[in-house]
Amino acid sequence: MTFLYIVLGIIAFITMLLIFPISIRITYDKELSVIAKYLFFKINVFPIKEKKQQKNDTKKDPLDSSVKSKGYADTFELIKGSISPILTEFRVLLSRTNVTQFDFRLIMVGDDASNLAIQYGKVCAVVYPFISFLQTLMKFRKTNVNISVDYLKKEYEFYFNSKLKVRPIFAVSSAIKIFKAISDIRKLQSDNMKG
């Protein structure tokens, strides 16, 4: 009988742990940062901590190089095309996900006013429908999207910050797929750095 109580206690404890939500913060401010929090634990999912000798190396903004070579519209179209299949793959898990904060800010700059206006229209045509697509997958509480053009600035500005919450009990079935996706992203980043 004592053994049964111990087993039931363990099951109850595990169930309780699976009910507490995992908080995930995704930030892009010249570099991507993904931080997961669960109870009192905090994990830097991305980027991976580098070795001490590599800390002084100058980091390049991958988005900046893409904007300069491909333009605003093609860059965000590429991001959308890369993320959409992954999101669709995890749509069951995402339907249980709450987005408590979503900030998207882009200030576009350029010398050619007419071309910049065209790029602005194309970016809006990519970003706003994509955010609507995200809202069909997840439950949004707060959304702040600001896309604008500044003819006086020399450097463009892009900032993204999002906070998601999901209960682990809903993530168990998707754990293998998530780890595989993270592995693929890390491999892609490694290949890009080598290239």
C-alpha atoms as a PDB file:
ATOM      1  CA  MET A   1       0.000   0.000   0.000  1.00  0.00           C
ATOM      2  CA  THR A   2       2.876   2.334   0.822  1.00  0.00           C
ATOM      3  CA  PHE A   3       4.398   1.668  -2.592  1.00  0.00           C
ATOM      4  CA  LEU A   4       1.093   2.659  -4.235  1.00  0.00           C
ATOM      5  CA  TYR A   5       1.079   5.952  -2.322  1.00  0.00           C
ATOM      6  CA  ILE A   6       4.647   6.645  -3.435  1.00  0.00           C
ATOM      7  CA  VAL A   7       3.778   5.959  -7.084  1.00  0.00           C
ATOM      8  CA  LEU A   8       0.668   8.167  -6.885  1.00  0.00           C
ATOM      9  CA  GLY A   9       2.721  10.889  -5.220  1.00  0.00           C
ATOM     10  CA  ILE A  10       5.333  10.767  -7.993  1.00  0.00           C
ATOM     11  CA  ILE A  11       2.620  10.894 -10.684  1.00  0.00           C
ATOM     12  CA  ALA A  12       0.947  13.837  -8.927  1.00  0.00           C
ATOM     13  CA  PHE A  13       4.295  15.668  -8.667  1.00  0.00           C
ATOM     14  CA  ILE A  14       5.131  15.125 -12.358  1.00  0.00           C
ATOM     15  CA  THR A  15       1.618  16.238 -13.368  1.00  0.00           C
ATOM     16  CA  MET A  16       2.008  19.386 -11.277  1.00  0.00           C
ATOM     17  CA  LEU A  17       5.330  20.170 -12.976  1.00  0.00           C
ATOM     18  CA  LEU A  18       3.755  19.705 -16.400  1.00  0.00           C
ATOM     19  CA  ILE A  19       1.001  22.210 -15.552  1.00  0.00           C
ATOM     20  CA  PHE A  20       3.335  25.131 -14.721  1.00  0.00           C
ATOM     21  CA  PRO A  21       3.877  27.192 -17.919  1.00  0.00           C
ATOM     22  CA  ILE A  22       7.151  27.588 -19.749  1.00  0.00           C
ATOM     23  CA  SER A  23       7.900  31.195 -20.684  1.00  0.00           C
ATOM     24  CA  ILE A  24       9.873  31.787 -23.893  1.00  0.00           C
ATOM     25  CA  ARG A  25      11.216  35.208 -24.845  1.00  0.00           C
ATOM     26  CA  ILE A  26      12.374  35.723 -28.439  1.00  0.00           C
ATOM     27  CA  THR A  27      14.265  38.941 -29.113  1.00  0.00           C
ATOM     28  CA  TYR A  28      16.045  40.311 -32.162  1.00  0.00           C
ATOM     29  CA  ASP A  29      18.113  43.442 -31.657  1.00  0.00           C
ATOM     30  CA  LYS A  30      21.014  43.073 -34.086  1.00  0.00           C
ATOM     31  CA  GLU A  31      21.222  39.420 -33.005  1.00  0.00           C
ATOM     32  CA  LEU A  32      18.740  36.686 -32.178  1.00  0.00           C
ATOM     33  CA  SER A  33      18.186  35.733 -28.559  1.00  0.00           C
ATOM     34  CA  VAL A  34      15.885  32.958 -27.281  1.00  0.00           C
ATOM     35  CA  ILE A  35      15.521  32.543 -23.510  1.00  0.00           C
ATOM     36  CA  ALA A  36      13.320  29.937 -21.840  1.00  0.00           C
ATOM     37  CA  LYS A  37      12.173  30.188 -18.217  1.00  0.00           C
ATOM     38  CA  TYR A  38      10.540  27.489 -16.152  1.00  0.00           C
ATOM     39  CA  LEU A  39       9.852  27.995 -12.451  1.00  0.00           C
ATOM     40  CA  PHE A  40      13.218  29.210 -11.100  1.00  0.00           C
ATOM     41  CA  PHE A  41      15.268  27.968 -14.058  1.00  0.00           C
ATOM     42  CA  LYS A  42      16.483  30.076 -16.976  1.00  0.00           C
ATOM     43  CA  ILE A  43      18.013  28.599 -20.132  1.00  0.00           C
ATOM     44  CA  ASN A  44      19.693  30.447 -22.999  1.00  0.00           C
ATOM     45  CA  VAL A  45      18.410  28.396 -25.920  1.00  0.00           C
ATOM     46  CA  PHE A  46      19.990  30.641 -28.546  1.00  0.00           C
ATOM     47  CA  PRO A  47      22.664  31.804 -29.144  1.00  0.00           C
ATOM     48  CA  ILE A  48      24.940  29.128 -27.755  1.00  0.00           C
ATOM     49  CA  LYS A  49      27.499  30.550 -25.352  1.00  0.00           C
ATOM     50  CA  GLU A  50      30.794  30.965 -27.130  1.00  0.00           C
ATOM     51  CA  LYS A  51      34.234  30.105 -25.817  1.00  0.00           C
ATOM     52  CA  LYS A  52      36.109  32.833 -23.942  1.00  0.00           C
ATOM     53  CA  GLN A  53      38.592  33.388 -26.746  1.00  0.00           C
ATOM     54  CA  GLN A  54      35.744  34.075 -29.183  1.00  0.00           C
ATOM     55  CA  LYS A  55      33.959  36.638 -27.015  1.00  0.00           C
ATOM     56  CA  ASN A  56      35.943  39.578 -28.386  1.00  0.00           C
ATOM     57  CA  ASP A  57      35.176  38.708 -32.001  1.00  0.00           C
ATOM     58  CA  THR A  58      33.003  41.264 -33.801  1.00  0.00           C
ATOM     59  CA  LYS A  59      29.545  39.896 -34.479  1.00  0.00           C
ATOM     60  CA  LYS A  60      27.873  40.734 -37.761  1.00  0.00           C
ATOM     61  CA  ASP A  61      24.172  41.423 -37.985  1.00  0.00           C
ATOM     62  CA  PRO A  62      22.887  38.781 -40.472  1.00  0.00           C
ATOM     63  CA  LEU A  63      19.747  40.808 -41.144  1.00  0.00           C
ATOM     64  CA  ASP A  64      21.791  43.900 -42.003  1.00  0.00           C
ATOM     65  CA  SER A  65      23.825  42.095 -44.674  1.00  0.00           C
ATOM     66  CA  SER A  66      20.646  40.574 -46.125  1.00  0.00           C
ATOM     67  CA  VAL A  67      18.855  43.946 -46.275  1.00  0.00           C
ATOM     68  CA  LYS A  68      21.829  45.540 -48.035  1.00  0.00           C
ATOM     69  CA  SER A  69      22.205  42.739 -50.591  1.00  0.00           C
ATOM     70  CA  LYS A  70      18.567  41.737 -51.215  1.00  0.00           C
ATOM     71  CA  GLY A  71      16.487  44.680 -50.026  1.00  0.00           C
ATOM     72  CA  TYR A  72      13.822  44.914 -47.315  1.00  0.00           C
ATOM     73  CA  ALA A  73      11.013  43.088 -49.109  1.00  0.00           C
ATOM     74  CA  ASP A  74      13.050  40.058 -50.216  1.00  0.00           C
ATOM     75  CA  THR A  75      14.654  39.761 -46.778  1.00  0.00           C
ATOM     76  CA  PHE A  76      11.352  39.571 -44.912  1.00  0.00           C
ATOM     77  CA  GLU A  77       9.863  37.340 -47.598  1.00  0.00           C
ATOM     78  CA  LEU A  78      12.794  34.976 -47.020  1.00  0.00           C
ATOM     79  CA  ILE A  79      12.236  35.034 -43.248  1.00  0.00           C
ATOM     80  CA  LYS A  80       8.541  34.359 -43.733  1.00  0.00           C
ATOM     81  CA  GLY A  81       9.255  31.478 -46.117  1.00  0.00           C
ATOM     82  CA  SER A  82      11.714  29.924 -43.646  1.00  0.00           C
ATOM     83  CA  ILE A  83       9.484  30.190 -40.567  1.00  0.00           C
ATOM     84  CA  SER A  84       6.046  29.345 -42.015  1.00  0.00           C
ATOM     85  CA  PRO A  85       6.670  25.597 -42.647  1.00  0.00           C
ATOM     86  CA  ILE A  86       8.064  25.171 -39.114  1.00  0.00           C
ATOM     87  CA  LEU A  87       5.074  26.940 -37.565  1.00  0.00           C
ATOM     88  CA  THR A  88       2.664  24.838 -39.607  1.00  0.00           C
ATOM     89  CA  GLU A  89       4.440  21.686 -38.421  1.00  0.00           C
ATOM     90  CA  PHE A  90       3.819  22.682 -34.791  1.00  0.00           C
ATOM     91  CA  ARG A  91       0.320  24.128 -35.244  1.00  0.00           C
ATOM     92  CA  VAL A  92      -1.180  21.768 -32.631  1.00  0.00           C
ATOM     93  CA  LEU A  93       1.299  22.911 -29.991  1.00  0.00           C
ATOM     94  CA  LEU A  94       0.996  26.559 -31.060  1.00  0.00           C
ATOM     95  CA  SER A  95      -2.779  26.439 -30.645  1.00  0.00           C
ATOM     96  CA  ARG A  96      -2.073  25.964 -26.920  1.00  0.00           C
ATOM     97  CA  THR A  97       0.429  28.840 -26.856  1.00  0.00           C
ATOM     98  CA  ASN A  98      -0.332  32.313 -25.489  1.00  0.00           C
ATOM     99  CA  VAL A  99       1.577  35.304 -26.866  1.00  0.00           C
ATOM    100  CA  THR A 100       1.559  37.802 -24.019  1.00  0.00           C
ATOM    101  CA  GLN A 101       3.816  40.315 -25.769  1.00  0.00           C
ATOM    102  CA  PHE A 102       4.560  40.956 -29.443  1.00  0.00           C
ATOM    103  CA  ASP A 103       6.608  43.979 -30.529  1.00  0.00           C
ATOM    104  CA  PHE A 104       7.702  44.469 -34.137  1.00  0.00           C
ATOM    105  CA  ARG A 105       9.416  47.722 -35.120  1.00  0.00           C
ATOM    106  CA  LEU A 106      11.033  48.470 -38.470  1.00  0.00           C
ATOM    107  CA  ILE A 107      12.274  51.876 -39.604  1.00  0.00           C
ATOM    108  CA  MET A 108      13.294  51.758 -43.260  1.00  0.00           C
ATOM    109  CA  VAL A 109      15.857  54.149 -44.728  1.00  0.00           C
ATOM    110  CA  GLY A 110      17.172  54.815 -48.220  1.00  0.00           C
ATOM    111  CA  ASP A 111      18.363  57.471 -50.664  1.00  0.00           C
ATOM    112  CA  ASP A 112      15.816  56.764 -53.399  1.00  0.00           C
ATOM    113  CA  ALA A 113      12.421  57.952 -52.100  1.00  0.00           C
ATOM    114  CA  SER A 114      10.366  56.256 -54.820  1.00  0.00           C
ATOM    115  CA  ASN A 115      12.127  52.909 -54.435  1.00  0.00           C
ATOM    116  CA  LEU A 116      11.826  53.148 -50.640  1.00  0.00           C
ATOM    117  CA  ALA A 117       8.073  53.746 -50.954  1.00  0.00           C
ATOM    118  CA  ILE A 118       7.764  50.638 -53.140  1.00  0.00           C
ATOM    119  CA  GLN A 119       9.830  48.614 -50.658  1.00  0.00           C
ATOM    120  CA  TYR A 120       7.622  49.897 -47.828  1.00  0.00           C
ATOM    121  CA  GLY A 121       4.500  48.669 -49.607  1.00  0.00           C
ATOM    122  CA  LYS A 122       6.036  45.264 -50.307  1.00  0.00           C
ATOM    123  CA  VAL A 123       7.218  44.830 -46.718  1.00  0.00           C
ATOM    124  CA  CYS A 124       3.752  45.690 -45.383  1.00  0.00           C
ATOM    125  CA  ALA A 125       2.276  43.173 -47.841  1.00  0.00           C
ATOM    126  CA  VAL A 126       4.529  40.484 -46.330  1.00  0.00           C
ATOM    127  CA  VAL A 127       4.572  41.374 -42.622  1.00  0.00           C
ATOM    128  CA  TYR A 128       0.920  42.170 -41.863  1.00  0.00           C
ATOM    129  CA  PRO A 129      -0.551  39.017 -43.499  1.00  0.00           C
ATOM    130  CA  PHE A 130       2.144  36.940 -41.785  1.00  0.00           C
ATOM    131  CA  ILE A 131       1.204  38.379 -38.385  1.00  0.00           C
ATOM    132  CA  SER A 132      -2.437  37.599 -39.166  1.00  0.00           C
ATOM    133  CA  PHE A 133      -1.328  34.049 -39.958  1.00  0.00           C
ATOM    134  CA  LEU A 134       0.420  33.873 -36.566  1.00  0.00           C
ATOM    135  CA  GLN A 135      -2.757  35.072 -34.880  1.00  0.00           C
ATOM    136  CA  THR A 136      -4.655  32.144 -36.393  1.00  0.00           C
ATOM    137  CA  LEU A 137      -2.105  29.754 -34.861  1.00  0.00           C
ATOM    138  CA  MET A 138      -1.657  31.289 -31.411  1.00  0.00           C
ATOM    139  CA  LYS A 139      -3.616  33.329 -28.888  1.00  0.00           C
ATOM    140  CA  PHE A 140      -2.383  36.928 -28.875  1.00  0.00           C
ATOM    141  CA  ARG A 141      -2.973  39.279 -25.963  1.00  0.00           C
ATOM    142  CA  LYS A 142      -0.927  42.282 -26.983  1.00  0.00           C
ATOM    143  CA  THR A 143       0.359  43.256 -30.431  1.00  0.00           C
ATOM    144  CA  ASN A 144       2.452  46.296 -31.304  1.00  0.00           C
ATOM    145  CA  VAL A 145       3.540  46.544 -34.944  1.00  0.00           C
ATOM    146  CA  ASN A 146       5.208  49.654 -36.331  1.00  0.00           C
ATOM    147  CA  ILE A 147       6.616  49.837 -39.860  1.00  0.00           C
ATOM    148  CA  SER A 148       7.716  53.283 -40.989  1.00  0.00           C
ATOM    149  CA  VAL A 149      10.029  55.161 -43.351  1.00  0.00           C
ATOM    150  CA  ASP A 150      12.616  57.752 -42.329  1.00  0.00           C
ATOM    151  CA  TYR A 151      14.359  59.739 -45.051  1.00  0.00           C
ATOM    152  CA  LEU A 152      16.788  61.438 -42.648  1.00  0.00           C
ATOM    153  CA  LYS A 153      18.270  58.428 -40.864  1.00  0.00           C
ATOM    154  CA  LYS A 154      21.381  56.775 -42.248  1.00  0.00           C
ATOM    155  CA  GLU A 155      20.895  53.326 -40.731  1.00  0.00           C
ATOM    156  CA  TYR A 156      17.714  51.290 -40.636  1.00  0.00           C
ATOM    157  CA  GLU A 157      16.322  50.016 -37.331  1.00  0.00           C
ATOM    158  CA  PHE A 158      14.730  46.661 -36.622  1.00  0.00           C
ATOM    159  CA  TYR A 159      13.606  45.387 -33.257  1.00  0.00           C
ATOM    160  CA  PHE A 160      11.515  42.342 -32.400  1.00  0.00           C
ATOM    161  CA  ASN A 161      10.462  41.133 -28.983  1.00  0.00           C
ATOM    162  CA  SER A 162       7.939  38.424 -28.186  1.00  0.00           C
ATOM    163  CA  LYS A 163       6.984  36.534 -25.059  1.00  0.00           C
ATOM    164  CA  LEU A 164       5.193  33.196 -25.289  1.00  0.00           C
ATOM    165  CA  LYS A 165       3.760  30.920 -22.632  1.00  0.00           C
ATOM    166  CA  VAL A 166       2.898  27.255 -23.030  1.00  0.00           C
ATOM    167  CA  ARG A 167       2.245  24.456 -20.560  1.00  0.00           C
ATOM    168  CA  PRO A 168       4.754  21.563 -20.809  1.00  0.00           C
ATOM    169  CA  ILE A 169       1.939  19.018 -20.780  1.00  0.00           C
ATOM    170  CA  PHE A 170       1.014  20.189 -24.300  1.00  0.00           C
ATOM    171  CA  ALA A 171       4.628  20.144 -25.472  1.00  0.00           C
ATOM    172  CA  VAL A 172       5.518  16.538 -24.639  1.00  0.00           C
ATOM    173  CA  SER A 173       4.185  15.132 -27.908  1.00  0.00           C
ATOM    174  CA  SER A 174       6.136  17.756 -29.906  1.00  0.00           C
ATOM    175  CA  ALA A 175       9.424  17.501 -27.986  1.00  0.00           C
ATOM    176  CA  ILE A 176      11.241  15.341 -30.560  1.00  0.00           C
ATOM    177  CA  LYS A 177      10.239  17.632 -33.444  1.00  0.00           C
ATOM    178  CA  ILE A 178      11.323  20.731 -31.507  1.00  0.00           C
ATOM    179  CA  PHE A 179      14.764  19.311 -30.703  1.00  0.00           C
ATOM    180  CA  LYS A 180      15.182  18.312 -34.353  1.00  0.00           C
ATOM    181  CA  ALA A 181      14.209  21.813 -35.519  1.00  0.00           C
ATOM    182  CA  ILE A 182      16.687  23.440 -33.103  1.00  0.00           C
ATOM    183  CA  SER A 183      19.386  21.052 -34.298  1.00  0.00           C
ATOM    184  CA  ASP A 184      18.659  21.970 -37.932  1.00  0.00           C
ATOM    185  CA  ILE A 185      18.798  25.705 -37.136  1.00  0.00           C
ATOM    186  CA  ARG A 186      22.131  25.334 -35.347  1.00  0.00           C
ATOM    187  CA  LYS A 187      23.525  23.292 -38.222  1.00  0.00           C
ATOM    188  CA  LEU A 188      22.333  25.926 -40.718  1.00  0.00           C
ATOM    189  CA  GLN A 189      23.962  28.683 -38.657  1.00  0.00           C
ATOM    190  CA  SER A 190      27.202  26.693 -38.481  1.00  0.00           C
ATOM    191  CA  ASP A 191      27.169  26.166 -42.276  1.00  0.00           C
ATOM    192  CA  ASN A 192      26.531  29.893 -42.853  1.00  0.00           C
ATOM    193  CA  MET A 193      29.443  30.851 -40.573  1.00  0.00           C
ATOM    194  CA  LYS A 194      31.737  28.468 -42.428  1.00  0.00           C
ATOM    195  CA  GLY A 195      30.530  29.791 -45.780  1.00  0.00           C
END
